[in-house]
Amino acid sequence: MRRPTGRAALTLAFAFTVMADPVSSVAYAIEAALRGLHGNLSSLLPAMAAVIAIIAVISTTYHYLIGRFPTGGGGPEGVAHAFGEGWAFIPLGALLIDFTLTVAVSCAAGASALIAYLPTLESLRTPIGIGLVVLVAGTVLLGQAGRVVFATATVAFIAVSLCVIASGLLGTPAPSVATGQAEVGGTPLLLGAALGPVLLAVPLGMALATGVEAPSNAIAQLPQLDDRGRRRLGRLTLWSMVGIVGTLTMAFTVLAVYLGTGLPPADSTLIAEVARQSTGGGALFVAFQAISALLLLSAAASSYLAGSGVLKALATLGKDGQGLVPNRFGRINRFLIPEWGVGLMLVAAALLVAASGREQNLVGFYAVAVFASFLAATIACARLSYREGRRVTLALNIVGAALVAVILAINATRLDSMIALAASAAVATYLWRTWVRRGRPRGVATAGAG
């Protein structure tokens, strides 16, 4: 029987490792929304509040998936059970694009965190970003012991963020902010918000939503627990993640408005400027930037592992050894890492060169990629809930599907979003056609668990 201390350690290690991606997105999602608002701080708070509310609704779908599929599989498993295995390629294609973009965005954001502290490095932004993509890939190939680093970085970021937030809120607000009236430039913070700009900014802020599906997939990596244990840990991780990401996001958003922090200069980021103003640029600011960079690289490493794991599962699908991607992607090195999958993701993540090494140039692609998976999962859960007579769950699934559909429709007005959706569709179509040619082997639904 597992000792209580061992169970607690497993819970903490698993939960905070899985949270690395969504928690790290706080570093760039708020700024993405503010850029969508063209720097209008008066609409930032309602935009980010809407983002968190939508994430909470979407999370109810994954709460259901964890309960129904405690051995892992997440969205692809739900879609396969609702509509058939062939439909599972929709979320799988979206997840593969999402994992690759996470590597690129996280490494670019890591470079931005360093540059915000050392602005003289601005001219080297793209080489630094590429260097980080390569560095993280090399580290991942050495084994999965880095999971301890992921969890530690997540906890450290949360702790230091709380110190920054407390320091900022106890400080003096910007002259343009009327304390107690919550005004910026004379515009009431909530009443002055315009609905149209807020709706257009929300899809960019939804970069926070990437990683919501992670607990439903990652529980497959806990064979030492029974189904009940995986359900409890998966759901605890999911809702802890929503609570922590929501709290940090809203706190930094309020702080940005309270301090009157607008769009940052080219050699900095919004969250870095908020931290600089809150701490006076002292030791706490240095610690915050360093830990932010470490967390972002941890998120990139986590996505390398997740993406290469999915490719490995697809390569080894079927009894004859002929998978849906070349067999080489099923090979592992002596550290049990699928090296070809990591290599492919490394090459693909180099697209940050086209974005001039700036994470904000990639967020438009990144924020939409996973929403195809969300839409498929919420619709699938609605069908499963209907079959099982779960009226409350059905209602929540329908609301979730409607919200995701609206976000996708708004994204369809932007070229970068359409490119991301087209890439997801292309990957899904390739995998589906190969699956049909291979005789429709079983096991597609569980590929999302790696």
Protein backbone atom coordinates (compact mmCIF):
# COMPACT_ATOMS: atom_id res chain seq x y z
CA MET A 1 0.00 0.00 0.00
CA ARG A 2 1.34 3.42 -0.96
CA ARG A 3 2.32 5.55 2.01
CA PRO A 4 0.42 8.85 2.47
CA THR A 5 3.64 10.84 2.00
CA GLY A 6 4.35 9.00 -1.24
CA ARG A 7 0.81 9.61 -2.47
CA ALA A 8 1.11 13.32 -1.65
CA ALA A 9 4.45 13.54 -3.46
CA LEU A 10 2.96 11.83 -6.52
CA THR A 11 0.01 14.22 -6.49
CA LEU A 12 2.20 17.30 -6.29
CA ALA A 13 4.72 16.08 -8.87
CA PHE A 14 2.03 15.06 -11.36
CA ALA A 15 -0.16 18.13 -10.89
CA PHE A 16 2.54 20.76 -11.16
CA THR A 17 4.28 19.00 -14.03
CA VAL A 18 1.05 18.97 -16.06
CA MET A 19 0.43 22.64 -15.19
CA ALA A 20 3.72 23.89 -16.67
CA ASP A 21 2.20 24.70 -20.09
CA PRO A 22 -0.97 26.56 -19.03
CA VAL A 23 0.71 28.40 -16.14
CA SER A 24 3.56 29.53 -18.40
CA SER A 25 1.05 30.97 -20.89
CA VAL A 26 0.24 33.71 -18.35
CA ALA A 27 3.56 35.22 -19.50
CA TYR A 28 2.22 36.11 -22.95
CA ALA A 29 -1.58 35.60 -23.14
CA ILE A 30 -2.50 38.82 -21.31
CA GLU A 31 -0.26 40.84 -23.60
CA ALA A 32 -1.76 39.10 -26.65
CA ALA A 33 -5.24 40.21 -25.55
CA LEU A 34 -4.04 43.77 -24.88
CA ARG A 35 -2.52 43.93 -28.37
CA GLY A 36 -5.86 42.74 -29.74
CA LEU A 37 -7.37 45.71 -27.88
CA HIS A 38 -4.75 48.03 -29.41
CA GLY A 39 -3.49 48.88 -25.94
CA ASN A 40 -6.88 49.87 -24.51
CA LEU A 41 -6.53 48.96 -20.83
CA SER A 42 -10.16 49.77 -20.07
CA SER A 43 -11.28 46.62 -21.93
CA LEU A 44 -8.52 44.30 -20.73
CA LEU A 45 -10.14 43.14 -17.49
CA PRO A 46 -13.48 42.07 -19.03
CA ALA A 47 -11.63 40.38 -21.90
CA MET A 48 -9.49 38.26 -19.58
CA ALA A 49 -12.46 37.56 -17.28
CA ALA A 50 -14.32 36.20 -20.32
CA VAL A 51 -11.29 34.06 -21.21
CA ILE A 52 -11.18 32.48 -17.74
CA ALA A 53 -14.95 31.89 -17.75
CA ILE A 54 -14.75 30.11 -21.12
CA ILE A 55 -11.84 27.98 -19.91
CA ALA A 56 -13.87 26.96 -16.88
CA VAL A 57 -16.79 25.88 -19.08
CA ILE A 58 -14.49 23.94 -21.43
CA SER A 59 -12.89 22.27 -18.41
CA THR A 60 -16.21 20.67 -17.48
CA THR A 61 -15.91 18.63 -20.69
CA TYR A 62 -12.50 17.34 -19.63
CA HIS A 63 -13.79 16.68 -16.10
CA TYR A 64 -16.32 14.36 -17.74
CA LEU A 65 -13.67 12.77 -20.00
CA ILE A 66 -11.41 12.01 -17.04
CA GLY A 67 -14.32 10.34 -15.27
CA ARG A 68 -15.39 8.26 -18.26
CA PHE A 69 -11.88 7.35 -19.49
CA PRO A 70 -9.66 7.05 -16.40
CA THR A 71 -6.95 5.24 -18.36
CA GLY A 72 -6.32 8.33 -20.51
CA GLY A 73 -7.11 9.30 -24.07
CA GLY A 74 -8.92 12.59 -23.49
CA GLY A 75 -10.61 14.20 -26.49
CA PRO A 76 -9.59 11.60 -29.11
CA GLU A 77 -10.98 8.80 -26.90
CA GLY A 78 -14.26 10.67 -26.39
CA VAL A 79 -14.64 11.44 -30.09
CA ALA A 80 -13.89 7.82 -31.03
CA HIS A 81 -16.55 6.49 -28.65
CA ALA A 82 -19.11 9.03 -29.78
CA PHE A 83 -18.64 8.93 -33.55
CA GLY A 84 -16.12 6.20 -34.41
CA GLU A 85 -12.33 5.99 -34.46
CA GLY A 86 -12.00 7.75 -37.82
CA TRP A 87 -13.17 11.02 -36.26
CA ALA A 88 -10.46 10.90 -33.59
CA PHE A 89 -7.98 12.28 -36.12
CA ILE A 90 -9.57 15.74 -35.81
CA PRO A 91 -8.37 16.29 -32.23
CA LEU A 92 -5.15 14.36 -32.88
CA GLY A 93 -4.19 16.62 -35.79
CA ALA A 94 -4.97 19.71 -33.71
CA LEU A 95 -2.94 18.44 -30.75
CA LEU A 96 0.14 17.74 -32.88
CA ILE A 97 0.04 21.28 -34.26
CA ASP A 98 -0.57 22.63 -30.75
CA PHE A 99 2.41 20.78 -29.26
CA THR A 100 4.72 22.06 -31.99
CA LEU A 101 3.52 25.63 -31.60
CA THR A 102 3.92 25.38 -27.84
CA VAL A 103 7.61 24.64 -28.33
CA ALA A 104 8.03 27.63 -30.66
CA VAL A 105 5.97 30.06 -28.58
CA SER A 106 7.49 29.01 -25.26
CA CYS A 107 11.08 29.28 -26.50
CA ALA A 108 10.36 32.65 -28.13
CA ALA A 109 8.76 33.84 -24.88
CA GLY A 110 11.74 32.50 -22.94
CA ALA A 111 14.01 34.61 -25.14
CA SER A 112 11.75 37.62 -24.49
CA ALA A 113 12.03 37.08 -20.74
CA LEU A 114 15.83 37.17 -21.00
CA ILE A 115 15.81 40.22 -23.27
CA ALA A 116 13.46 42.10 -20.96
CA TYR A 117 16.17 41.83 -18.30
CA LEU A 118 19.08 42.37 -20.72
CA PRO A 119 17.76 44.67 -23.49
CA THR A 120 21.17 44.68 -25.20
CA LEU A 121 20.32 41.17 -26.43
CA GLU A 122 17.42 42.45 -28.55
CA SER A 123 19.40 42.23 -31.80
CA LEU A 124 20.03 38.53 -31.06
CA ARG A 125 16.37 37.67 -30.41
CA THR A 126 15.94 35.14 -33.22
CA PRO A 127 19.28 33.32 -32.66
CA ILE A 128 18.51 33.12 -28.93
CA GLY A 129 15.05 31.68 -29.68
CA ILE A 130 16.48 29.06 -32.03
CA GLY A 131 19.22 28.28 -29.53
CA LEU A 132 16.60 27.63 -26.85
CA VAL A 133 14.60 25.36 -29.18
CA VAL A 134 17.75 23.29 -29.76
CA LEU A 135 18.82 23.40 -26.11
CA VAL A 136 15.46 22.15 -24.84
CA ALA A 137 15.38 19.38 -27.47
CA GLY A 138 18.86 18.24 -26.42
CA THR A 139 17.84 18.24 -22.77
CA VAL A 140 14.68 16.25 -23.49
CA LEU A 141 16.68 13.58 -25.33
CA LEU A 142 18.60 12.91 -22.11
CA GLY A 143 15.55 11.49 -20.37
CA GLN A 144 12.42 12.31 -18.43
CA ALA A 145 14.06 13.15 -15.11
CA GLY A 146 13.30 16.72 -16.09
CA ARG A 147 9.73 16.24 -14.84
CA VAL A 148 10.98 17.22 -11.39
CA VAL A 149 12.31 20.42 -12.93
CA PHE A 150 8.92 21.09 -14.57
CA ALA A 151 7.09 20.77 -11.28
CA THR A 152 9.68 22.82 -9.39
CA ALA A 153 9.62 25.59 -11.99
CA THR A 154 5.82 25.76 -11.85
CA VAL A 155 5.74 26.02 -8.06
CA ALA A 156 8.55 28.61 -8.06
CA PHE A 157 6.77 30.73 -10.68
CA ILE A 158 3.55 30.71 -8.69
CA ALA A 159 5.36 31.68 -5.48
CA VAL A 160 7.40 34.48 -7.03
CA SER A 161 4.38 35.75 -8.98
CA LEU A 162 2.42 36.10 -5.74
CA CYS A 163 5.30 38.14 -4.29
CA VAL A 164 5.35 40.41 -7.38
CA ILE A 165 1.57 40.85 -7.27
CA ALA A 166 1.61 41.70 -3.56
CA SER A 167 4.46 44.15 -4.09
CA GLY A 168 2.61 45.85 -6.94
CA LEU A 169 -0.75 46.12 -5.22
CA LEU A 170 0.86 47.58 -2.11
CA GLY A 171 2.65 50.18 -4.22
CA THR A 172 1.40 53.46 -5.64
CA PRO A 173 -0.87 53.25 -8.71
CA ALA A 174 -0.13 55.15 -11.89
CA PRO A 175 -1.30 58.81 -11.88
CA SER A 176 -3.89 58.05 -14.55
CA VAL A 177 -5.55 55.41 -12.38
CA ALA A 178 -8.10 56.75 -9.92
CA THR A 179 -7.95 54.51 -6.86
CA GLY A 180 -11.35 53.33 -5.77
CA GLN A 181 -12.97 54.43 -9.03
CA ALA A 182 -10.93 52.01 -11.15
CA GLU A 183 -10.46 54.37 -14.03
CA VAL A 184 -7.79 54.57 -16.68
CA GLY A 185 -7.41 57.83 -18.54
CA GLY A 186 -10.82 58.91 -17.23
CA THR A 187 -12.62 55.87 -18.71
CA PRO A 188 -14.49 53.62 -16.25
CA LEU A 189 -12.74 50.27 -16.30
CA LEU A 190 -15.80 48.10 -16.89
CA LEU A 191 -18.46 50.50 -18.13
CA GLY A 192 -16.05 51.92 -20.68
CA ALA A 193 -15.27 48.54 -22.20
CA ALA A 194 -16.50 48.10 -25.77
CA LEU A 195 -18.10 44.74 -26.56
CA GLY A 196 -16.76 44.48 -30.11
CA PRO A 197 -13.04 44.90 -29.25
CA VAL A 198 -13.43 42.59 -26.26
CA LEU A 199 -14.88 39.83 -28.45
CA LEU A 200 -12.00 40.19 -30.91
CA ALA A 201 -9.40 40.15 -28.12
CA VAL A 202 -10.77 37.07 -26.33
CA PRO A 203 -9.54 34.55 -28.98
CA LEU A 204 -5.99 35.87 -28.55
CA GLY A 205 -6.24 35.65 -24.78
CA MET A 206 -7.39 32.06 -25.21
CA ALA A 207 -3.73 31.10 -25.52
CA LEU A 208 -4.29 30.42 -21.82
CA ALA A 209 -6.50 27.47 -22.75
CA THR A 210 -3.72 25.35 -24.22
CA GLY A 211 -2.99 22.59 -21.75
CA VAL A 212 -6.57 22.23 -20.53
CA GLU A 213 -6.72 18.77 -22.12
CA ALA A 214 -3.39 17.67 -20.58
CA PRO A 215 -4.71 16.03 -17.36
CA SER A 216 -7.15 13.85 -19.31
CA ASN A 217 -4.24 12.52 -21.40
CA ALA A 218 -1.49 12.47 -18.77
CA ILE A 219 -3.35 10.19 -16.34
CA ALA A 220 -2.39 7.34 -18.69
CA GLN A 221 1.12 7.72 -17.25
CA LEU A 222 -0.05 6.66 -13.76
CA PRO A 223 -0.30 2.84 -13.97
CA GLN A 224 0.50 2.63 -10.24
CA LEU A 225 -2.97 4.03 -9.47
CA ASP A 226 -6.32 2.32 -9.97
CA ASP A 227 -9.11 3.92 -12.01
CA ARG A 228 -10.55 5.70 -8.98
CA GLY A 229 -7.14 7.13 -8.07
CA ARG A 230 -6.52 8.40 -11.61
CA ARG A 231 -9.97 10.00 -11.73
CA ARG A 232 -9.39 11.83 -8.47
CA LEU A 233 -5.88 12.99 -9.34
CA GLY A 234 -6.80 13.98 -12.89
CA ARG A 235 -9.77 16.05 -11.78
CA LEU A 236 -7.86 17.61 -8.90
CA THR A 237 -5.12 18.62 -11.32
CA LEU A 238 -7.60 20.00 -13.85
CA TRP A 239 -9.46 22.26 -11.45
CA SER A 240 -6.33 23.27 -9.53
CA MET A 241 -4.89 24.33 -12.88
CA VAL A 242 -7.99 26.37 -13.74
CA GLY A 243 -7.92 28.01 -10.31
CA ILE A 244 -4.21 28.83 -10.36
CA VAL A 245 -4.12 30.06 -13.97
CA GLY A 246 -7.31 32.05 -13.44
CA THR A 247 -6.05 33.66 -10.24
CA LEU A 248 -2.63 34.60 -11.67
CA THR A 249 -4.17 35.90 -14.89
CA MET A 250 -6.74 38.09 -13.20
CA ALA A 251 -4.22 39.32 -10.60
CA PHE A 252 -1.67 40.35 -13.25
CA THR A 253 -4.44 41.90 -15.35
CA VAL A 254 -5.70 43.96 -12.42
CA LEU A 255 -2.11 44.92 -11.61
CA ALA A 256 -1.43 46.03 -15.19
CA VAL A 257 -4.49 48.29 -15.07
CA TYR A 258 -3.75 49.48 -11.51
CA LEU A 259 -0.22 50.49 -12.51
CA GLY A 260 -1.31 51.83 -15.89
CA THR A 261 1.04 49.47 -17.72
CA GLY A 262 0.29 49.66 -21.44
CA LEU A 263 1.85 47.94 -24.41
CA PRO A 264 5.54 47.24 -23.72
CA PRO A 265 8.52 48.49 -25.75
CA ALA A 266 10.05 46.19 -28.37
CA ASP A 267 12.71 44.89 -25.97
CA SER A 268 10.30 43.90 -23.20
CA THR A 269 6.97 42.19 -22.45
CA LEU A 270 3.82 43.29 -20.64
CA ILE A 271 4.33 40.95 -17.71
CA ALA A 272 7.98 42.00 -17.41
CA GLU A 273 6.99 45.67 -17.31
CA VAL A 274 4.34 44.92 -14.67
CA ALA A 275 6.97 43.08 -12.61
CA ARG A 276 9.50 45.89 -13.10
CA GLN A 277 7.03 48.54 -11.95
CA SER A 278 5.86 46.39 -9.05
CA THR A 279 9.32 45.56 -7.71
CA GLY A 280 11.34 48.60 -8.72
CA GLY A 281 13.58 46.40 -10.88
CA GLY A 282 15.41 44.87 -7.92
CA ALA A 283 16.30 41.31 -6.96
CA LEU A 284 12.67 40.17 -7.04
CA PHE A 285 12.39 41.34 -10.66
CA VAL A 286 15.54 39.42 -11.58
CA ALA A 287 14.20 36.29 -9.88
CA PHE A 288 10.83 36.66 -11.63
CA GLN A 289 12.40 36.94 -15.09
CA ALA A 290 14.73 34.00 -14.48
CA ILE A 291 11.97 31.74 -13.17
CA SER A 292 9.63 32.84 -15.98
CA ALA A 293 12.23 31.80 -18.55
CA LEU A 294 12.78 28.45 -16.79
CA LEU A 295 9.04 27.75 -16.66
CA LEU A 296 8.60 28.60 -20.34
CA LEU A 297 11.42 26.22 -21.28
CA SER A 298 9.83 23.55 -19.07
CA ALA A 299 6.58 24.00 -21.00
CA ALA A 300 8.51 23.56 -24.26
CA ALA A 301 10.15 20.39 -22.93
CA SER A 302 6.78 19.02 -21.83
CA SER A 303 5.39 19.58 -25.33
CA TYR A 304 8.42 17.92 -26.93
CA LEU A 305 7.69 14.84 -24.81
CA ALA A 306 3.94 14.92 -25.47
CA GLY A 307 4.24 15.46 -29.23
CA SER A 308 6.95 12.84 -29.75
CA GLY A 309 4.89 10.45 -27.59
CA VAL A 310 1.86 10.85 -29.87
CA LEU A 311 4.04 10.26 -32.94
CA LYS A 312 5.47 7.14 -31.31
CA ALA A 313 1.97 5.83 -30.62
CA LEU A 314 0.95 6.48 -34.23
CA ALA A 315 4.09 4.79 -35.55
CA THR A 316 3.44 1.59 -33.61
CA LEU A 317 -0.30 1.37 -34.25
CA GLY A 318 -1.55 -1.98 -35.50
CA LYS A 319 -0.38 -5.57 -35.10
CA ASP A 320 1.79 -5.70 -38.23
CA GLY A 321 4.10 -2.91 -37.07
CA GLN A 322 3.01 -0.64 -39.92
CA GLY A 323 1.85 2.53 -38.22
CA LEU A 324 0.37 5.72 -39.58
CA VAL A 325 3.70 7.53 -39.63
CA PRO A 326 7.12 6.08 -40.58
CA ASN A 327 8.45 3.40 -38.21
CA ARG A 328 11.44 5.55 -37.27
CA PHE A 329 9.15 7.70 -35.12
CA GLY A 330 8.52 4.67 -32.93
CA ARG A 331 12.19 4.21 -32.06
CA ILE A 332 13.45 5.29 -28.66
CA ASN A 333 16.97 6.10 -27.52
CA ARG A 334 18.65 4.62 -24.45
CA PHE A 335 16.83 7.19 -22.30
CA LEU A 336 13.47 5.90 -23.66
CA ILE A 337 12.78 9.10 -25.63
CA PRO A 338 11.38 8.92 -29.22
CA GLU A 339 14.29 10.80 -30.76
CA TRP A 340 12.87 11.09 -34.29
CA GLY A 341 9.70 12.68 -32.95
CA VAL A 342 11.72 15.21 -30.97
CA GLY A 343 13.78 15.92 -34.08
CA LEU A 344 10.72 16.53 -36.25
CA MET A 345 9.23 18.90 -33.69
CA LEU A 346 12.55 20.73 -33.41
CA VAL A 347 12.59 21.35 -37.16
CA ALA A 348 8.95 22.45 -37.20
CA ALA A 349 9.41 24.74 -34.18
CA ALA A 350 12.09 26.61 -36.12
CA LEU A 351 9.16 28.47 -37.70
CA LEU A 352 9.81 31.07 -35.01
CA VAL A 353 12.41 32.40 -37.48
CA ALA A 354 9.54 33.52 -39.73
CA ALA A 355 8.02 35.25 -36.68
CA SER A 356 11.28 37.16 -36.05
CA GLY A 357 11.62 35.27 -32.78
CA ARG A 358 8.64 37.06 -31.21
CA GLU A 359 6.04 35.03 -29.37
CA GLN A 360 3.35 37.65 -30.02
CA ASN A 361 3.73 37.04 -33.77
CA LEU A 362 2.95 33.35 -33.12
CA VAL A 363 0.07 33.66 -30.64
CA GLY A 364 -2.47 34.19 -33.43
CA PHE A 365 -1.58 30.76 -34.82
CA TYR A 366 -1.16 29.18 -31.41
CA ALA A 367 -4.38 30.31 -29.74
CA VAL A 368 -6.60 28.66 -32.35
CA ALA A 369 -4.87 25.33 -33.04
CA VAL A 370 -6.24 23.50 -30.01
CA PHE A 371 -9.80 24.80 -30.46
CA ALA A 372 -10.54 22.28 -33.20
CA SER A 373 -9.79 19.63 -30.57
CA PHE A 374 -11.97 21.41 -28.00
CA LEU A 375 -14.91 21.59 -30.43
CA ALA A 376 -14.66 17.91 -31.32
CA ALA A 377 -14.36 16.93 -27.65
CA THR A 378 -17.30 19.04 -26.45
CA ILE A 379 -19.60 17.80 -29.24
CA ALA A 380 -18.54 14.21 -28.56
CA CYS A 381 -19.18 14.60 -24.84
CA ALA A 382 -22.59 16.10 -25.57
CA ARG A 383 -23.49 13.00 -27.58
CA LEU A 384 -22.18 10.64 -24.91
CA SER A 385 -24.01 12.58 -22.19
CA TYR A 386 -27.23 12.36 -24.21
CA ARG A 387 -26.85 8.59 -24.59
CA GLU A 388 -26.30 8.21 -20.85
CA GLY A 389 -29.14 10.52 -19.85
CA ARG A 390 -26.86 13.02 -18.08
CA ARG A 391 -28.90 16.19 -18.50
CA VAL A 392 -26.70 18.57 -16.51
CA THR A 393 -23.55 17.38 -18.24
CA LEU A 394 -25.30 17.57 -21.61
CA ALA A 395 -26.30 21.19 -20.98
CA LEU A 396 -22.74 22.13 -19.99
CA ASN A 397 -21.33 20.35 -23.06
CA ILE A 398 -23.73 22.20 -25.35
CA VAL A 399 -22.77 25.54 -23.80
CA GLY A 400 -19.10 24.64 -24.13
CA ALA A 401 -19.48 23.63 -27.78
CA ALA A 402 -21.33 26.86 -28.55
CA LEU A 403 -18.62 29.00 -26.91
CA VAL A 404 -15.84 27.15 -28.71
CA ALA A 405 -17.70 27.51 -32.03
CA VAL A 406 -18.02 31.27 -31.48
CA ILE A 407 -14.28 31.54 -30.72
CA LEU A 408 -13.47 29.59 -33.89
CA ALA A 409 -15.82 31.79 -35.93
CA ILE A 410 -14.08 34.93 -34.66
CA ASN A 411 -10.71 33.35 -35.37
CA ALA A 412 -11.85 32.71 -38.94
CA THR A 413 -11.60 36.46 -39.54
CA ARG A 414 -7.79 36.30 -39.17
CA LEU A 415 -5.39 34.81 -41.72
CA ASP A 416 -2.99 33.37 -39.13
CA SER A 417 -5.83 31.46 -37.47
CA MET A 418 -6.98 30.02 -40.78
CA ILE A 419 -3.44 28.86 -41.53
CA ALA A 420 -3.29 27.05 -38.17
CA LEU A 421 -6.68 25.41 -38.76
CA ALA A 422 -5.64 24.40 -42.28
CA ALA A 423 -2.45 22.83 -40.90
CA SER A 424 -4.48 20.89 -38.30
CA ALA A 425 -6.88 19.71 -41.01
CA ALA A 426 -4.00 18.67 -43.28
CA VAL A 427 -2.37 16.57 -40.54
CA ALA A 428 -5.72 14.99 -39.62
CA THR A 429 -6.50 14.20 -43.27
CA TYR A 430 -3.07 12.64 -43.86
CA LEU A 431 -3.41 10.43 -40.79
CA TRP A 432 -6.96 9.41 -41.67
CA ARG A 433 -6.10 8.46 -45.25
CA THR A 434 -3.09 6.45 -44.07
CA TRP A 435 -5.29 4.76 -41.45
CA VAL A 436 -7.79 3.74 -44.14
CA ARG A 437 -4.98 2.37 -46.37
CA ARG A 438 -3.59 0.39 -43.41
CA GLY A 439 -6.94 -1.36 -42.93
CA ARG A 440 -8.25 0.87 -40.09
CA PRO A 441 -6.14 -0.60 -37.26
CA ARG A 442 -7.49 -0.27 -33.72
CA GLY A 443 -5.95 1.99 -31.11
CA VAL A 444 -6.28 5.44 -32.67
CA ALA A 445 -8.33 6.72 -29.75
CA THR A 446 -5.55 6.11 -27.22
CA ALA A 447 -2.79 7.76 -29.30
CA GLY A 448 -3.47 11.11 -27.63
CA ALA A 449 -2.19 9.70 -24.36
CA GLY A 450 1.22 9.15 -25.95
